[in-house]
Amino acid sequence: MPSPILRRLRDLPNFEMATGDPDPRGWPVRGRDGHAFGTVQELLVDPVSQRVLYLNVQLAEGLPGVPPPGPTPTDAFCCPFRP
């Protein structure tokens, strides 16, 4: 089976979160210890299955091993989304 082609939710004007499902953009992302290490910036969607597969997370400044942000924010990573 081929890999899904992912799109940012904001680039799909005919897509929206299902009624009753929260939109996690802007939510803090926390580790097991409860400390926030980033913020959900975007949802990556498979348009064919109409499912969110990944969350794009902007990492917080000052985390160990994370370089300071450059002129354009690129310190983000994707987390698998498992509701």
Protein backbone atom coordinates (compact mmCIF):
# COMPACT_ATOMS: atom_id res chain seq x y z
CA MET A 1 0.00 0.00 0.00
CA PRO A 2 1.43 3.43 -0.90
CA SER A 3 2.21 5.98 1.77
CA PRO A 4 -0.43 8.69 2.26
CA ILE A 5 0.17 12.14 0.83
CA LEU A 6 -0.11 14.52 3.76
CA ARG A 7 -1.48 18.05 3.62
CA ARG A 8 -1.70 20.79 6.22
CA LEU A 9 -5.28 21.23 7.39
CA ARG A 10 -5.02 24.98 6.73
CA ASP A 11 -4.29 24.21 3.03
CA LEU A 12 -7.53 22.23 2.65
CA PRO A 13 -10.32 24.83 2.61
CA ASN A 14 -13.07 22.19 2.32
CA PHE A 15 -11.87 20.30 5.39
CA GLU A 16 -12.68 21.03 9.02
CA MET A 17 -12.64 19.18 12.30
CA ALA A 18 -15.58 16.84 12.77
CA THR A 19 -18.41 18.14 14.92
CA GLY A 20 -17.60 17.46 18.55
CA ASP A 21 -13.87 16.89 17.92
CA PRO A 22 -11.61 19.52 19.44
CA ASP A 23 -9.10 21.43 17.33
CA PRO A 24 -5.78 20.98 19.19
CA ARG A 25 -3.93 23.81 17.39
CA GLY A 26 -2.52 26.11 20.04
CA TRP A 27 -2.60 23.44 22.75
CA PRO A 28 0.52 22.86 24.84
CA VAL A 29 2.30 19.52 24.39
CA ARG A 30 3.48 18.04 27.67
CA GLY A 31 5.87 15.28 28.61
CA ARG A 32 5.13 12.56 31.15
CA ASP A 33 6.47 14.86 33.84
CA GLY A 34 3.78 17.43 33.01
CA HIS A 35 6.17 20.08 31.71
CA ALA A 36 5.24 21.72 28.41
CA PHE A 37 7.83 21.27 25.66
CA GLY A 38 5.96 22.79 22.74
CA THR A 39 2.72 23.91 21.15
CA VAL A 40 0.62 22.25 18.44
CA GLN A 41 1.01 24.45 15.35
CA GLU A 42 -0.64 22.44 12.59
CA LEU A 43 -2.50 19.23 11.81
CA LEU A 44 -1.22 17.01 9.01
CA VAL A 45 -4.07 15.26 7.24
CA ASP A 46 -4.40 12.38 4.80
CA PRO A 47 -7.07 13.81 2.45
CA VAL A 48 -7.99 10.35 1.13
CA SER A 49 -8.80 8.83 4.53
CA GLN A 50 -9.87 12.24 5.89
CA ARG A 51 -7.91 11.64 9.08
CA VAL A 52 -5.38 13.63 11.06
CA LEU A 53 -2.20 11.54 11.10
CA TYR A 54 0.35 13.88 12.68
CA LEU A 55 0.59 16.98 14.81
CA ASN A 56 3.22 19.56 13.90
CA VAL A 57 4.68 20.83 17.18
CA GLN A 58 6.67 24.03 17.63
CA LEU A 59 9.30 23.24 20.25
CA ALA A 60 9.70 25.55 23.23
CA GLU A 61 12.85 27.63 23.50
CA GLY A 62 15.46 26.52 25.99
CA LEU A 63 14.90 22.78 25.73
CA PRO A 64 18.11 20.74 26.02
CA GLY A 65 19.41 19.78 22.59
CA VAL A 66 17.14 22.22 20.74
CA PRO A 67 18.99 25.02 18.97
CA PRO A 68 17.68 28.57 19.34
CA PRO A 69 15.23 29.58 16.61
CA GLY A 70 16.66 31.06 13.43
CA PRO A 71 15.22 33.90 11.36
CA THR A 72 12.39 31.61 10.22
CA PRO A 73 10.91 29.14 12.70
CA THR A 74 11.88 25.63 11.64
CA ASP A 75 12.27 23.96 15.05
CA ALA A 76 9.15 21.87 14.72
CA PHE A 77 8.61 18.16 14.61
CA CYS A 78 5.70 15.84 13.92
CA CYS A 79 4.05 13.58 16.48
CA PRO A 80 1.81 10.70 15.41
CA PHE A 81 -1.79 11.50 16.29
CA ARG A 82 -3.57 8.72 18.18
CA PRO A 83 -6.91 9.87 19.60
